[in-house]
Amino acid sequence: MSVHPASISLSALLIARRQQAHRVSFDITEGWMQGRTAFGGLLSALAVQAMRDVCGSDWPLRALQTNFVGPVGVGTVHVEVTLLRQGKHVRQIKAELRQTDAQGAEQVCGILLGVFGADRASQIDTRRPVQAAVATPAEAGTPLPFIPGLTPNFTQHLDLRLAEGAFPFTGSDSWLARLHVRLKDNDGVDPELMTIMLADAGPPPVLSRAKAMAAASSVSWALELRPVSEVDHNGWWRLDQDTIAYEDGYANDRAQLWTPDGQLAALGYQVVAVYA
């Protein structure tokens, strides 16, 4: 496996975090970059960790809204946390990602809203969706490789195998992707943070329709979580992605993330700007 020399694992990044009152700081390394900004799934996971550090970790995350305002570069990123409301069953928290620019001014790079909800007793029967069958990881063929200077740096931290759809920039007629995915170094990583990371792990399916390399950037991301507590950390999760609409350089994507044992862990909706 090729590894960027400036790469550290997610668990090491979390261990090195620093908290001062309502602010939690993390040090982003080159190995987590995706073009000119850090991997969005990582930034969202770090923001949720900061929300938990400041406001408590007793309730599971139910929903996360992320607006990517500007790029987050290599270096220290601060997460400023504000408790908006604390109710009997629901806690709502805002987090701002901030980074100091070359002129020494602190800029807002992202705004996130997290909704944490305690379990409720209900007389209604449980409903759990069942995932459709696709090729297994062993049948899926060649893994998506990490190629320094070509594929995004953050992909070195992931195992990715394409089960259905097409690779980016191949001129395919597909609008979907079915991926098997797992985090390579996951020691001490909470399943909730892993869910956030892996839900954003795959490239937008619309890029497979491009015939040459092109950039894409997430504008907003809405994630709805189905809390899971026990997962096989070394097992393969599955990410099902669909581009449900595309026009004028913007794609509307929908995703479902499944645990290794087939539980629905998250539903995602994303607006992606495509430069192709």
C-alpha atoms as a PDB file:
ATOM      1  CA  MET A   1       0.000   0.000   0.000  1.00  0.00           C
ATOM      2  CA  SER A   2       1.304   3.432  -0.924  1.00  0.00           C
ATOM      3  CA  VAL A   3       1.054   5.858   1.980  1.00  0.00           C
ATOM      4  CA  HIS A   4       1.589   9.596   1.870  1.00  0.00           C
ATOM      5  CA  PRO A   5       4.457  10.525   4.210  1.00  0.00           C
ATOM      6  CA  ALA A   6       2.326  13.171   5.921  1.00  0.00           C
ATOM      7  CA  SER A   7      -0.511  10.755   6.640  1.00  0.00           C
ATOM      8  CA  ILE A   8      -1.809   9.837  10.100  1.00  0.00           C
ATOM      9  CA  SER A   9      -4.745   7.634  11.006  1.00  0.00           C
ATOM     10  CA  LEU A  10      -8.137   8.906  12.117  1.00  0.00           C
ATOM     11  CA  SER A  11      -7.621   7.456  15.590  1.00  0.00           C
ATOM     12  CA  ALA A  12      -4.301   9.318  15.948  1.00  0.00           C
ATOM     13  CA  LEU A  13      -5.927  12.534  14.742  1.00  0.00           C
ATOM     14  CA  LEU A  14      -8.679  12.162  17.338  1.00  0.00           C
ATOM     15  CA  ILE A  15      -6.239  11.420  20.154  1.00  0.00           C
ATOM     16  CA  ALA A  16      -4.289  14.596  19.352  1.00  0.00           C
ATOM     17  CA  ARG A  17      -7.337  16.896  19.518  1.00  0.00           C
ATOM     18  CA  ARG A  18      -7.338  19.785  21.976  1.00  0.00           C
ATOM     19  CA  GLN A  19     -10.293  21.379  23.742  1.00  0.00           C
ATOM     20  CA  GLN A  20     -10.613  24.843  25.231  1.00  0.00           C
ATOM     21  CA  ALA A  21     -14.107  25.651  26.521  1.00  0.00           C
ATOM     22  CA  HIS A  22     -16.482  25.418  23.528  1.00  0.00           C
ATOM     23  CA  ARG A  23     -13.705  25.027  20.944  1.00  0.00           C
ATOM     24  CA  VAL A  24     -12.033  21.777  19.855  1.00  0.00           C
ATOM     25  CA  SER A  25      -8.981  21.860  17.566  1.00  0.00           C
ATOM     26  CA  PHE A  26      -7.652  19.207  15.180  1.00  0.00           C
ATOM     27  CA  ASP A  27      -4.526  19.067  13.020  1.00  0.00           C
ATOM     28  CA  ILE A  28      -5.261  18.106   9.398  1.00  0.00           C
ATOM     29  CA  THR A  29      -2.401  16.434   7.524  1.00  0.00           C
ATOM     30  CA  GLU A  30      -1.741  16.187   3.787  1.00  0.00           C
ATOM     31  CA  GLY A  31      -2.836  12.553   3.794  1.00  0.00           C
ATOM     32  CA  TRP A  32      -6.472  13.577   4.391  1.00  0.00           C
ATOM     33  CA  MET A  33      -6.738  16.048   1.520  1.00  0.00           C
ATOM     34  CA  GLN A  34      -9.155  15.858  -1.398  1.00  0.00           C
ATOM     35  CA  GLY A  35      -7.880  18.345  -3.936  1.00  0.00           C
ATOM     36  CA  ARG A  36      -7.557  21.756  -2.272  1.00  0.00           C
ATOM     37  CA  THR A  37      -9.694  20.852   0.753  1.00  0.00           C
ATOM     38  CA  ALA A  38      -9.795  18.118   3.348  1.00  0.00           C
ATOM     39  CA  PHE A  39     -12.093  15.112   2.868  1.00  0.00           C
ATOM     40  CA  GLY A  40     -15.638  16.195   3.723  1.00  0.00           C
ATOM     41  CA  GLY A  41     -16.491  12.981   5.552  1.00  0.00           C
ATOM     42  CA  LEU A  42     -13.523  13.520   7.843  1.00  0.00           C
ATOM     43  CA  LEU A  43     -14.459  17.146   8.566  1.00  0.00           C
ATOM     44  CA  SER A  44     -18.033  16.167   9.422  1.00  0.00           C
ATOM     45  CA  ALA A  45     -16.817  13.371  11.703  1.00  0.00           C
ATOM     46  CA  LEU A  46     -14.446  15.740  13.513  1.00  0.00           C
ATOM     47  CA  ALA A  47     -17.254  18.257  13.974  1.00  0.00           C
ATOM     48  CA  VAL A  48     -19.484  15.587  15.538  1.00  0.00           C
ATOM     49  CA  GLN A  49     -16.662  14.549  17.861  1.00  0.00           C
ATOM     50  CA  ALA A  50     -16.361  18.198  18.929  1.00  0.00           C
ATOM     51  CA  MET A  51     -20.130  18.392  19.510  1.00  0.00           C
ATOM     52  CA  ARG A  52     -19.874  15.369  21.789  1.00  0.00           C
ATOM     53  CA  ASP A  53     -16.820  16.727  23.616  1.00  0.00           C
ATOM     54  CA  VAL A  54     -18.584  19.989  24.426  1.00  0.00           C
ATOM     55  CA  CYS A  55     -22.220  18.922  24.881  1.00  0.00           C
ATOM     56  CA  GLY A  56     -22.087  15.272  25.944  1.00  0.00           C
ATOM     57  CA  SER A  57     -22.149  11.852  24.324  1.00  0.00           C
ATOM     58  CA  ASP A  58     -25.152  10.191  25.961  1.00  0.00           C
ATOM     59  CA  TRP A  59     -27.564  10.341  22.980  1.00  0.00           C
ATOM     60  CA  PRO A  60     -27.051   8.996  19.454  1.00  0.00           C
ATOM     61  CA  LEU A  61     -26.751  11.296  16.464  1.00  0.00           C
ATOM     62  CA  ARG A  62     -29.963  11.210  14.408  1.00  0.00           C
ATOM     63  CA  ALA A  63     -29.312  13.828  11.714  1.00  0.00           C
ATOM     64  CA  LEU A  64     -26.437  15.956  10.467  1.00  0.00           C
ATOM     65  CA  GLN A  65     -26.642  18.903   8.084  1.00  0.00           C
ATOM     66  CA  THR A  66     -23.340  20.083   6.611  1.00  0.00           C
ATOM     67  CA  ASN A  67     -22.707  23.164   4.477  1.00  0.00           C
ATOM     68  CA  PHE A  68     -19.200  23.307   3.041  1.00  0.00           C
ATOM     69  CA  VAL A  69     -18.557  27.050   2.975  1.00  0.00           C
ATOM     70  CA  GLY A  70     -14.904  27.076   1.909  1.00  0.00           C
ATOM     71  CA  PRO A  71     -11.851  24.833   1.627  1.00  0.00           C
ATOM     72  CA  VAL A  72     -10.066  23.488   4.710  1.00  0.00           C
ATOM     73  CA  GLY A  73      -6.341  23.200   4.085  1.00  0.00           C
ATOM     74  CA  VAL A  74      -3.505  21.395   5.819  1.00  0.00           C
ATOM     75  CA  GLY A  75      -3.025  22.663   9.364  1.00  0.00           C
ATOM     76  CA  THR A  76      -5.131  23.355  12.414  1.00  0.00           C
ATOM     77  CA  VAL A  77      -8.895  23.510  12.069  1.00  0.00           C
ATOM     78  CA  HIS A  78     -10.990  24.765  14.975  1.00  0.00           C
ATOM     79  CA  VAL A  79     -14.541  23.599  15.662  1.00  0.00           C
ATOM     80  CA  GLU A  80     -16.608  26.172  17.554  1.00  0.00           C
ATOM     81  CA  VAL A  81     -19.593  24.453  19.212  1.00  0.00           C
ATOM     82  CA  THR A  82     -22.886  26.087  20.255  1.00  0.00           C
ATOM     83  CA  LEU A  83     -25.735  24.317  22.046  1.00  0.00           C
ATOM     84  CA  LEU A  84     -28.879  25.669  20.373  1.00  0.00           C
ATOM     85  CA  ARG A  85     -31.476  23.800  22.412  1.00  0.00           C
ATOM     86  CA  GLN A  86     -31.592  21.054  25.021  1.00  0.00           C
ATOM     87  CA  GLY A  87     -34.983  19.325  25.290  1.00  0.00           C
ATOM     88  CA  LYS A  88     -36.199  16.216  27.069  1.00  0.00           C
ATOM     89  CA  HIS A  89     -35.436  13.901  24.157  1.00  0.00           C
ATOM     90  CA  VAL A  90     -33.672  16.033  21.529  1.00  0.00           C
ATOM     91  CA  ARG A  91     -30.482  18.107  21.638  1.00  0.00           C
ATOM     92  CA  GLN A  92     -29.616  20.448  18.761  1.00  0.00           C
ATOM     93  CA  ILE A  93     -26.057  21.674  18.293  1.00  0.00           C
ATOM     94  CA  LYS A  94     -24.319  23.964  15.821  1.00  0.00           C
ATOM     95  CA  ALA A  95     -20.657  23.618  14.887  1.00  0.00           C
ATOM     96  CA  GLU A  96     -18.557  26.015  12.829  1.00  0.00           C
ATOM     97  CA  LEU A  97     -15.335  24.903  11.163  1.00  0.00           C
ATOM     98  CA  ARG A  98     -12.809  27.736  11.267  1.00  0.00           C
ATOM     99  CA  GLN A  99      -9.287  28.104   9.925  1.00  0.00           C
ATOM    100  CA  THR A 100      -6.815  30.988   9.893  1.00  0.00           C
ATOM    101  CA  ASP A 101      -5.926  32.291   6.411  1.00  0.00           C
ATOM    102  CA  ALA A 102      -2.589  33.608   5.137  1.00  0.00           C
ATOM    103  CA  GLN A 103      -3.432  37.122   6.384  1.00  0.00           C
ATOM    104  CA  GLY A 104      -4.062  35.849   9.918  1.00  0.00           C
ATOM    105  CA  ALA A 105      -7.849  36.215   9.762  1.00  0.00           C
ATOM    106  CA  GLU A 106     -10.031  33.362  10.962  1.00  0.00           C
ATOM    107  CA  GLN A 107     -12.448  32.211   8.251  1.00  0.00           C
ATOM    108  CA  VAL A 108     -15.603  30.086   8.540  1.00  0.00           C
ATOM    109  CA  CYS A 109     -15.091  27.019   6.337  1.00  0.00           C
ATOM    110  CA  GLY A 110     -18.157  24.984   7.244  1.00  0.00           C
ATOM    111  CA  ILE A 111     -21.388  25.106   9.232  1.00  0.00           C
ATOM    112  CA  LEU A 112     -22.976  21.963  10.675  1.00  0.00           C
ATOM    113  CA  LEU A 113     -26.165  21.262  12.585  1.00  0.00           C
ATOM    114  CA  GLY A 114     -26.376  18.045  14.586  1.00  0.00           C
ATOM    115  CA  VAL A 115     -29.559  16.570  16.032  1.00  0.00           C
ATOM    116  CA  PHE A 116     -29.074  14.080  18.869  1.00  0.00           C
ATOM    117  CA  GLY A 117     -32.087  12.124  20.075  1.00  0.00           C
ATOM    118  CA  ALA A 118     -32.738   9.758  22.976  1.00  0.00           C
ATOM    119  CA  ASP A 119     -34.640   6.532  22.336  1.00  0.00           C
ATOM    120  CA  ARG A 120     -38.423   6.740  22.713  1.00  0.00           C
ATOM    121  CA  ALA A 121     -40.849   3.994  23.692  1.00  0.00           C
ATOM    122  CA  SER A 122     -43.281   3.209  20.843  1.00  0.00           C
ATOM    123  CA  GLN A 123     -46.259   0.938  20.238  1.00  0.00           C
ATOM    124  CA  ILE A 124     -45.497   0.816  16.487  1.00  0.00           C
ATOM    125  CA  ASP A 125     -43.717  -2.231  15.084  1.00  0.00           C
ATOM    126  CA  THR A 126     -40.103  -1.878  13.983  1.00  0.00           C
ATOM    127  CA  ARG A 127     -39.445  -1.539  10.254  1.00  0.00           C
ATOM    128  CA  ARG A 128     -35.968  -2.265   8.932  1.00  0.00           C
ATOM    129  CA  PRO A 129     -35.193  -2.172   5.203  1.00  0.00           C
ATOM    130  CA  VAL A 130     -33.311  -4.996   3.506  1.00  0.00           C
ATOM    131  CA  GLN A 131     -30.450  -4.252   1.152  1.00  0.00           C
ATOM    132  CA  ALA A 132     -30.521  -5.534  -2.425  1.00  0.00           C
ATOM    133  CA  ALA A 133     -27.965  -8.171  -3.368  1.00  0.00           C
ATOM    134  CA  VAL A 134     -24.895  -7.171  -5.403  1.00  0.00           C
ATOM    135  CA  ALA A 135     -21.524  -8.760  -6.088  1.00  0.00           C
ATOM    136  CA  THR A 136     -19.642  -9.572  -2.888  1.00  0.00           C
ATOM    137  CA  PRO A 137     -16.289  -7.883  -2.133  1.00  0.00           C
ATOM    138  CA  ALA A 138     -14.503 -11.018  -3.381  1.00  0.00           C
ATOM    139  CA  GLU A 139     -16.544 -10.948  -6.613  1.00  0.00           C
ATOM    140  CA  ALA A 140     -16.265  -7.196  -7.122  1.00  0.00           C
ATOM    141  CA  GLY A 141     -12.851  -7.462  -8.745  1.00  0.00           C
ATOM    142  CA  THR A 142      -9.980  -4.986  -8.578  1.00  0.00           C
ATOM    143  CA  PRO A 143     -10.028  -2.564  -5.617  1.00  0.00           C
ATOM    144  CA  LEU A 144     -10.061   1.145  -6.337  1.00  0.00           C
ATOM    145  CA  PRO A 145      -6.351   1.907  -5.972  1.00  0.00           C
ATOM    146  CA  PHE A 146      -4.658   4.791  -4.214  1.00  0.00           C
ATOM    147  CA  ILE A 147      -2.353   6.407  -6.778  1.00  0.00           C
ATOM    148  CA  PRO A 148      -0.382   9.352  -5.320  1.00  0.00           C
ATOM    149  CA  GLY A 149      -0.930  12.491  -7.354  1.00  0.00           C
ATOM    150  CA  LEU A 150      -3.909  11.023  -9.187  1.00  0.00           C
ATOM    151  CA  THR A 151      -6.502   9.769  -6.710  1.00  0.00           C
ATOM    152  CA  PRO A 152      -7.427  11.922  -3.677  1.00  0.00           C
ATOM    153  CA  ASN A 153      -5.018  11.546  -0.754  1.00  0.00           C
ATOM    154  CA  PHE A 154      -7.727  10.516   1.722  1.00  0.00           C
ATOM    155  CA  THR A 155      -8.467   7.330  -0.257  1.00  0.00           C
ATOM    156  CA  GLN A 156      -5.276   5.776   1.103  1.00  0.00           C
ATOM    157  CA  HIS A 157      -7.142   5.308   4.397  1.00  0.00           C
ATOM    158  CA  LEU A 158      -9.924   3.274   2.765  1.00  0.00           C
ATOM    159  CA  ASP A 159     -10.476  -0.075   1.065  1.00  0.00           C
ATOM    160  CA  LEU A 160     -12.931   0.446  -1.812  1.00  0.00           C
ATOM    161  CA  ARG A 161     -14.331  -2.122  -4.237  1.00  0.00           C
ATOM    162  CA  LEU A 162     -16.828  -1.381  -6.976  1.00  0.00           C
ATOM    163  CA  ALA A 163     -19.667  -3.921  -7.129  1.00  0.00           C
ATOM    164  CA  GLU A 164     -21.957  -2.141  -9.606  1.00  0.00           C
ATOM    165  CA  GLY A 165     -21.685   0.976 -11.756  1.00  0.00           C
ATOM    166  CA  ALA A 166     -18.490   2.347 -13.248  1.00  0.00           C
ATOM    167  CA  PHE A 167     -15.248   4.059 -12.290  1.00  0.00           C
ATOM    168  CA  PRO A 168     -15.045   7.883 -12.556  1.00  0.00           C
ATOM    169  CA  PHE A 169     -14.091   9.474 -15.895  1.00  0.00           C
ATOM    170  CA  THR A 170     -14.819   6.375 -18.014  1.00  0.00           C
ATOM    171  CA  GLY A 171     -17.662   7.802 -20.111  1.00  0.00           C
ATOM    172  CA  SER A 172     -20.135   5.310 -18.707  1.00  0.00           C
ATOM    173  CA  ASP A 173     -23.910   5.608 -19.107  1.00  0.00           C
ATOM    174  CA  SER A 174     -24.434   4.736 -15.416  1.00  0.00           C
ATOM    175  CA  TRP A 175     -25.996   7.064 -12.836  1.00  0.00           C
ATOM    176  CA  LEU A 176     -25.325   4.779  -9.854  1.00  0.00           C
ATOM    177  CA  ALA A 177     -22.540   3.130  -7.869  1.00  0.00           C
ATOM    178  CA  ARG A 178     -22.554   0.223  -5.409  1.00  0.00           C
ATOM    179  CA  LEU A 179     -19.364   0.126  -3.370  1.00  0.00           C
ATOM    180  CA  HIS A 180     -17.925  -2.109  -0.671  1.00  0.00           C
ATOM    181  CA  VAL A 181     -15.903   0.052   1.700  1.00  0.00           C
ATOM    182  CA  ARG A 182     -14.028  -0.106   4.998  1.00  0.00           C
ATOM    183  CA  LEU A 183     -11.645   2.066   7.003  1.00  0.00           C
ATOM    184  CA  LYS A 184      -8.173   0.526   7.062  1.00  0.00           C
ATOM    185  CA  ASP A 185      -7.028   1.773  10.475  1.00  0.00           C
ATOM    186  CA  ASN A 186     -10.081   1.892  12.725  1.00  0.00           C
ATOM    187  CA  ASP A 187      -8.698   1.202  16.204  1.00  0.00           C
ATOM    188  CA  GLY A 188     -10.803   3.076  18.745  1.00  0.00           C
ATOM    189  CA  VAL A 189     -13.043   4.693  16.119  1.00  0.00           C
ATOM    190  CA  ASP A 190     -16.655   4.868  17.297  1.00  0.00           C
ATOM    191  CA  PRO A 191     -19.214   3.264  14.906  1.00  0.00           C
ATOM    192  CA  GLU A 192     -21.016   6.600  14.693  1.00  0.00           C
ATOM    193  CA  LEU A 193     -17.913   8.405  13.434  1.00  0.00           C
ATOM    194  CA  MET A 194     -17.202   5.509  11.073  1.00  0.00           C
ATOM    195  CA  THR A 195     -20.730   5.821   9.691  1.00  0.00           C
ATOM    196  CA  ILE A 196     -20.199   9.519   8.938  1.00  0.00           C
ATOM    197  CA  MET A 197     -16.836   8.856   7.286  1.00  0.00           C
ATOM    198  CA  LEU A 198     -17.945   5.941   5.118  1.00  0.00           C
ATOM    199  CA  ALA A 199     -21.212   7.593   4.040  1.00  0.00           C
ATOM    200  CA  ASP A 200     -19.078  10.128   2.138  1.00  0.00           C
ATOM    201  CA  ALA A 201     -16.381   7.741   0.940  1.00  0.00           C
ATOM    202  CA  GLY A 202     -17.421   7.182  -2.677  1.00  0.00           C
ATOM    203  CA  PRO A 203     -17.002   9.516  -5.663  1.00  0.00           C
ATOM    204  CA  PRO A 204     -20.235  11.040  -7.032  1.00  0.00           C
ATOM    205  CA  PRO A 205     -21.708   8.577  -9.571  1.00  0.00           C
ATOM    206  CA  VAL A 206     -22.121  11.385 -12.110  1.00  0.00           C
ATOM    207  CA  LEU A 207     -18.331  11.489 -12.523  1.00  0.00           C
ATOM    208  CA  SER A 208     -18.407   8.075 -14.198  1.00  0.00           C
ATOM    209  CA  ARG A 209     -20.204   9.735 -17.124  1.00  0.00           C
ATOM    210  CA  ALA A 210     -17.346  12.179 -17.720  1.00  0.00           C
ATOM    211  CA  LYS A 211     -14.885  11.161 -20.451  1.00  0.00           C
ATOM    212  CA  ALA A 212     -11.943  13.058 -18.962  1.00  0.00           C
ATOM    213  CA  MET A 213     -10.804  13.960 -15.460  1.00  0.00           C
ATOM    214  CA  ALA A 214     -12.849  16.733 -13.867  1.00  0.00           C
ATOM    215  CA  ALA A 215     -13.270  18.260 -10.437  1.00  0.00           C
ATOM    216  CA  ALA A 216     -16.349  18.016  -8.234  1.00  0.00           C
ATOM    217  CA  SER A 217     -17.172  19.654  -4.917  1.00  0.00           C
ATOM    218  CA  SER A 218     -19.863  18.995  -2.320  1.00  0.00           C
ATOM    219  CA  VAL A 219     -21.976  22.078  -1.634  1.00  0.00           C
ATOM    220  CA  SER A 220     -24.270  20.658   1.032  1.00  0.00           C
ATOM    221  CA  TRP A 221     -24.758  17.254   2.644  1.00  0.00           C
ATOM    222  CA  ALA A 222     -27.685  15.961   4.688  1.00  0.00           C
ATOM    223  CA  LEU A 223     -27.143  12.738   6.603  1.00  0.00           C
ATOM    224  CA  GLU A 224     -29.797  10.805   8.510  1.00  0.00           C
ATOM    225  CA  LEU A 225     -28.395   8.150  10.844  1.00  0.00           C
ATOM    226  CA  ARG A 226     -29.887   4.895  12.072  1.00  0.00           C
ATOM    227  CA  PRO A 227     -27.761   4.357  15.208  1.00  0.00           C
ATOM    228  CA  VAL A 228     -25.693   1.164  15.272  1.00  0.00           C
ATOM    229  CA  SER A 229     -23.595   0.115  18.245  1.00  0.00           C
ATOM    230  CA  GLU A 230     -22.051  -3.243  17.436  1.00  0.00           C
ATOM    231  CA  VAL A 231     -20.282  -3.608  14.107  1.00  0.00           C
ATOM    232  CA  ASP A 232     -17.445  -5.706  12.744  1.00  0.00           C
ATOM    233  CA  HIS A 233     -14.758  -3.021  12.478  1.00  0.00           C
ATOM    234  CA  ASN A 234     -12.845  -5.064   9.903  1.00  0.00           C
ATOM    235  CA  GLY A 235     -15.913  -6.053   7.893  1.00  0.00           C
ATOM    236  CA  TRP A 236     -17.045  -4.562   4.592  1.00  0.00           C
ATOM    237  CA  TRP A 237     -19.724  -1.868   4.714  1.00  0.00           C
ATOM    238  CA  ARG A 238     -21.750  -1.146   1.582  1.00  0.00           C
ATOM    239  CA  LEU A 239     -22.413   2.265   0.082  1.00  0.00           C
ATOM    240  CA  ASP A 240     -25.214   2.549  -2.499  1.00  0.00           C
ATOM    241  CA  GLN A 241     -25.185   5.855  -4.401  1.00  0.00           C
ATOM    242  CA  ASP A 242     -27.551   7.237  -7.058  1.00  0.00           C
ATOM    243  CA  THR A 243     -27.541  10.489  -8.979  1.00  0.00           C
ATOM    244  CA  ILE A 244     -31.263  11.230  -9.097  1.00  0.00           C
ATOM    245  CA  ALA A 245     -31.025  14.534 -11.002  1.00  0.00           C
ATOM    246  CA  TYR A 246     -28.341  16.456 -12.907  1.00  0.00           C
ATOM    247  CA  GLU A 247     -28.483  19.767 -14.739  1.00  0.00           C
ATOM    248  CA  ASP A 248     -26.450  22.961 -15.168  1.00  0.00           C
ATOM    249  CA  GLY A 249     -23.384  21.483 -13.467  1.00  0.00           C
ATOM    250  CA  TYR A 250     -25.129  20.387 -10.250  1.00  0.00           C
ATOM    251  CA  ALA A 251     -25.924  16.812  -9.232  1.00  0.00           C
ATOM    252  CA  ASN A 252     -28.467  15.722  -6.633  1.00  0.00           C
ATOM    253  CA  ASP A 253     -27.207  12.493  -5.086  1.00  0.00           C
ATOM    254  CA  ARG A 254     -28.830   9.995  -2.738  1.00  0.00           C
ATOM    255  CA  ALA A 255     -26.948   7.362  -0.732  1.00  0.00           C
ATOM    256  CA  GLN A 256     -27.593   4.457   1.614  1.00  0.00           C
ATOM    257  CA  LEU A 257     -24.896   3.051   3.897  1.00  0.00           C
ATOM    258  CA  TRP A 258     -25.200  -0.504   5.254  1.00  0.00           C
ATOM    259  CA  THR A 259     -23.198  -2.151   8.048  1.00  0.00           C
ATOM    260  CA  PRO A 260     -21.281  -5.389   7.398  1.00  0.00           C
ATOM    261  CA  ASP A 261     -24.239  -7.388   8.754  1.00  0.00           C
ATOM    262  CA  GLY A 262     -26.780  -5.591   6.559  1.00  0.00           C
ATOM    263  CA  GLN A 263     -28.212  -2.948   8.901  1.00  0.00           C
ATOM    264  CA  LEU A 264     -29.134   0.398   7.369  1.00  0.00           C
ATOM    265  CA  ALA A 265     -26.754   2.835   9.084  1.00  0.00           C
ATOM    266  CA  ALA A 266     -27.403   6.089   7.200  1.00  0.00           C
ATOM    267  CA  LEU A 267     -29.304   7.838   4.429  1.00  0.00           C
ATOM    268  CA  GLY A 268     -27.521  10.675   2.672  1.00  0.00           C
ATOM    269  CA  TYR A 269     -28.549  13.475   0.314  1.00  0.00           C
ATOM    270  CA  GLN A 270     -25.991  15.699  -1.332  1.00  0.00           C
ATOM    271  CA  VAL A 271     -25.717  18.612  -3.766  1.00  0.00           C
ATOM    272  CA  VAL A 272     -22.520  18.326  -5.799  1.00  0.00           C
ATOM    273  CA  ALA A 273     -21.020  20.975  -8.080  1.00  0.00           C
ATOM    274  CA  VAL A 274     -19.426  19.279 -11.109  1.00  0.00           C
ATOM    275  CA  TYR A 275     -16.828  21.025 -13.263  1.00  0.00           C
ATOM    276  CA  ALA A 276     -17.227  18.940 -16.422  1.00  0.00           C
END
